[in-house]
Amino acid sequence: MTAATPWGRVSRRGELFGLSFERIYSSTPEDVWEAVTDAERLARWMAPYRGDLRLGGRWEALDSEGSVFSWAP
């Protein structure tokens, strides 16, 4: 199952979910990358996160958890 929305694309394979986002920001790629890989910055605009926000890492957000299988700036 794949569903595209104005906010991104959600895919599901069995019990696994994938999220894809494509946006244009008026900032540097480094600044945007830090905003989605630094837990404190990510919490400012999305949700509080704990864990390892990098390839192979495990994370937890608002009573949900997951694994990072693909992560590219």
N, C-alpha and C. Protein backbone atom coordinates (compact mmCIF):
# COMPACT_ATOMS: atom_id res chain seq x y z
N MET A 1 0.84 -1.18 0.00
CA MET A 1 0.00 0.00 0.00
C MET A 1 0.88 1.24 0.00
N THR A 2 0.59 2.20 -0.85
CA THR A 2 1.27 3.49 -0.86
C THR A 2 0.23 4.57 -0.96
N ALA A 3 0.35 5.60 -0.15
CA ALA A 3 -0.58 6.72 -0.19
C ALA A 3 0.21 8.02 -0.21
N ALA A 4 -0.04 8.86 -1.21
CA ALA A 4 0.60 10.17 -1.29
C ALA A 4 -0.35 11.22 -0.73
N THR A 5 0.19 12.12 0.07
CA THR A 5 -0.58 13.21 0.63
C THR A 5 0.20 14.50 0.42
N PRO A 6 -0.42 15.65 0.67
CA PRO A 6 0.34 16.91 0.56
C PRO A 6 1.52 16.96 1.53
N TRP A 7 1.51 16.10 2.54
CA TRP A 7 2.57 16.13 3.56
C TRP A 7 3.65 15.11 3.30
N GLY A 8 3.48 14.22 2.36
CA GLY A 8 4.48 13.20 2.08
C GLY A 8 3.84 11.94 1.56
N ARG A 9 4.61 10.86 1.52
CA ARG A 9 4.13 9.58 1.03
C ARG A 9 4.33 8.54 2.11
N VAL A 10 3.29 7.76 2.35
CA VAL A 10 3.33 6.69 3.34
C VAL A 10 3.20 5.37 2.60
N SER A 11 4.07 4.44 2.89
CA SER A 11 3.96 3.11 2.29
C SER A 11 3.95 2.08 3.41
N ARG A 12 3.34 0.96 3.12
CA ARG A 12 3.26 -0.10 4.12
C ARG A 12 3.59 -1.42 3.46
N ARG A 13 4.46 -2.17 4.12
CA ARG A 13 4.81 -3.52 3.68
C ARG A 13 4.65 -4.41 4.90
N GLY A 14 3.51 -5.12 4.96
CA GLY A 14 3.22 -5.93 6.14
C GLY A 14 3.00 -5.01 7.33
N GLU A 15 3.80 -5.20 8.37
CA GLU A 15 3.69 -4.37 9.56
C GLU A 15 4.66 -3.20 9.56
N LEU A 16 5.44 -3.04 8.49
CA LEU A 16 6.42 -1.95 8.40
C LEU A 16 5.84 -0.79 7.61
N PHE A 17 6.13 0.42 8.06
CA PHE A 17 5.70 1.63 7.38
C PHE A 17 6.90 2.42 6.90
N GLY A 18 6.78 3.06 5.76
CA GLY A 18 7.82 3.93 5.23
C GLY A 18 7.25 5.33 5.05
N LEU A 19 8.04 6.34 5.34
CA LEU A 19 7.63 7.73 5.16
C LEU A 19 8.62 8.41 4.23
N SER A 20 8.11 9.12 3.21
CA SER A 20 8.96 9.86 2.27
C SER A 20 8.45 11.29 2.18
N PHE A 21 9.38 12.23 2.26
CA PHE A 21 9.03 13.63 2.18
C PHE A 21 9.94 14.31 1.17
N GLU A 22 9.39 15.20 0.37
CA GLU A 22 10.18 16.00 -0.55
C GLU A 22 9.70 17.44 -0.43
N ARG A 23 10.60 18.33 -0.06
CA ARG A 23 10.26 19.73 0.16
C ARG A 23 11.39 20.62 -0.33
N ILE A 24 11.07 21.89 -0.57
CA ILE A 24 12.06 22.91 -0.91
C ILE A 24 12.04 23.94 0.22
N TYR A 25 13.20 24.18 0.82
CA TYR A 25 13.32 25.11 1.93
C TYR A 25 14.30 26.23 1.57
N SER A 26 14.06 27.39 2.13
CA SER A 26 14.98 28.52 1.91
C SER A 26 16.06 28.48 3.01
N SER A 27 16.84 27.44 2.98
CA SER A 27 17.92 27.24 3.95
C SER A 27 18.97 26.36 3.27
N THR A 28 20.08 26.17 3.94
CA THR A 28 21.13 25.32 3.38
C THR A 28 20.75 23.85 3.60
N PRO A 29 21.25 22.94 2.74
CA PRO A 29 20.99 21.52 2.96
C PRO A 29 21.49 21.06 4.34
N GLU A 30 22.61 21.59 4.78
CA GLU A 30 23.17 21.20 6.09
C GLU A 30 22.23 21.59 7.23
N ASP A 31 21.64 22.79 7.15
CA ASP A 31 20.72 23.24 8.19
C ASP A 31 19.46 22.39 8.22
N VAL A 32 18.91 22.08 7.05
CA VAL A 32 17.70 21.25 6.98
C VAL A 32 18.02 19.84 7.49
N TRP A 33 19.15 19.29 7.09
CA TRP A 33 19.55 17.95 7.55
C TRP A 33 19.65 17.91 9.06
N GLU A 34 20.25 18.93 9.66
CA GLU A 34 20.36 18.97 11.12
C GLU A 34 18.99 19.07 11.77
N ALA A 35 18.07 19.78 11.13
CA ALA A 35 16.71 19.94 11.67
C ALA A 35 15.96 18.61 11.75
N VAL A 36 16.29 17.66 10.90
CA VAL A 36 15.60 16.36 10.94
C VAL A 36 16.42 15.25 11.58
N THR A 37 17.68 15.52 11.94
CA THR A 37 18.50 14.49 12.58
C THR A 37 18.90 14.86 14.00
N ASP A 38 18.61 16.07 14.43
CA ASP A 38 18.89 16.49 15.80
C ASP A 38 17.57 16.44 16.57
N ALA A 39 17.50 15.60 17.60
CA ALA A 39 16.25 15.36 18.32
C ALA A 39 15.64 16.65 18.88
N GLU A 40 16.46 17.56 19.40
CA GLU A 40 15.93 18.81 19.95
C GLU A 40 15.29 19.67 18.86
N ARG A 41 15.94 19.78 17.72
CA ARG A 41 15.38 20.57 16.62
C ARG A 41 14.16 19.91 16.02
N LEU A 42 14.19 18.60 15.89
CA LEU A 42 13.05 17.88 15.34
C LEU A 42 11.81 18.05 16.22
N ALA A 43 11.99 18.06 17.51
CA ALA A 43 10.88 18.23 18.45
C ALA A 43 10.21 19.59 18.31
N ARG A 44 10.94 20.59 17.83
CA ARG A 44 10.36 21.94 17.67
C ARG A 44 9.26 21.97 16.62
N TRP A 45 9.36 21.14 15.59
CA TRP A 45 8.39 21.22 14.50
C TRP A 45 7.62 19.92 14.25
N MET A 46 8.04 18.82 14.84
CA MET A 46 7.33 17.57 14.57
C MET A 46 6.83 16.94 15.88
N ALA A 47 7.72 16.32 16.62
CA ALA A 47 7.34 15.64 17.85
C ALA A 47 8.60 15.35 18.66
N PRO A 48 8.47 15.19 19.97
CA PRO A 48 9.62 14.78 20.77
C PRO A 48 10.07 13.37 20.36
N TYR A 49 11.36 13.21 20.19
CA TYR A 49 11.94 11.93 19.78
C TYR A 49 13.06 11.54 20.74
N ARG A 50 13.21 10.24 20.90
CA ARG A 50 14.36 9.69 21.61
C ARG A 50 14.95 8.62 20.72
N GLY A 51 16.23 8.44 20.81
CA GLY A 51 16.86 7.35 20.07
C GLY A 51 17.91 7.84 19.11
N ASP A 52 18.23 6.97 18.18
CA ASP A 52 19.32 7.18 17.24
C ASP A 52 18.75 7.46 15.86
N LEU A 53 18.72 8.74 15.46
CA LEU A 53 18.12 9.16 14.20
C LEU A 53 19.14 9.08 13.06
N ARG A 54 19.69 7.89 12.84
CA ARG A 54 20.62 7.67 11.73
C ARG A 54 20.41 6.27 11.20
N LEU A 55 20.99 5.97 10.06
CA LEU A 55 20.83 4.68 9.42
C LEU A 55 21.16 3.56 10.40
N GLY A 56 20.25 2.61 10.52
CA GLY A 56 20.42 1.49 11.44
C GLY A 56 19.96 1.80 12.85
N GLY A 57 19.61 3.05 13.12
CA GLY A 57 19.22 3.45 14.46
C GLY A 57 17.79 3.08 14.80
N ARG A 58 17.49 3.13 16.07
CA ARG A 58 16.13 2.91 16.57
C ARG A 58 15.67 4.20 17.20
N TRP A 59 14.39 4.53 17.02
CA TRP A 59 13.86 5.77 17.58
C TRP A 59 12.50 5.54 18.20
N GLU A 60 12.08 6.50 19.00
CA GLU A 60 10.79 6.44 19.66
C GLU A 60 10.19 7.83 19.66
N ALA A 61 8.92 7.94 19.28
CA ALA A 61 8.22 9.23 19.26
C ALA A 61 6.79 9.06 19.72
N LEU A 62 6.40 9.81 20.72
CA LEU A 62 5.01 9.81 21.19
C LEU A 62 4.38 8.42 21.25
N ASP A 63 4.93 7.56 22.04
CA ASP A 63 4.41 6.21 22.23
C ASP A 63 4.50 5.34 20.98
N SER A 64 5.30 5.75 19.98
CA SER A 64 5.53 4.94 18.79
C SER A 64 7.03 4.72 18.67
N GLU A 65 7.42 3.69 17.99
CA GLU A 65 8.85 3.46 17.78
C GLU A 65 9.08 2.86 16.42
N GLY A 66 10.31 2.92 15.94
CA GLY A 66 10.61 2.39 14.62
C GLY A 66 12.10 2.25 14.43
N SER A 67 12.49 1.87 13.22
CA SER A 67 13.89 1.73 12.85
C SER A 67 14.15 2.57 11.61
N VAL A 68 15.37 3.04 11.49
CA VAL A 68 15.76 3.80 10.30
C VAL A 68 16.44 2.83 9.33
N PHE A 69 15.80 2.59 8.19
CA PHE A 69 16.35 1.68 7.19
C PHE A 69 17.02 2.42 6.04
N SER A 70 16.61 3.65 5.80
CA SER A 70 17.18 4.45 4.71
C SER A 70 17.12 5.91 5.14
N TRP A 71 18.24 6.61 4.97
CA TRP A 71 18.32 8.00 5.45
C TRP A 71 19.31 8.72 4.58
N ALA A 72 18.85 9.66 3.76
CA ALA A 72 19.75 10.35 2.84
C ALA A 72 19.38 11.82 2.77
N PRO A 73 20.39 12.70 2.84
CA PRO A 73 20.08 14.13 2.74
C PRO A 73 19.69 14.51 1.31
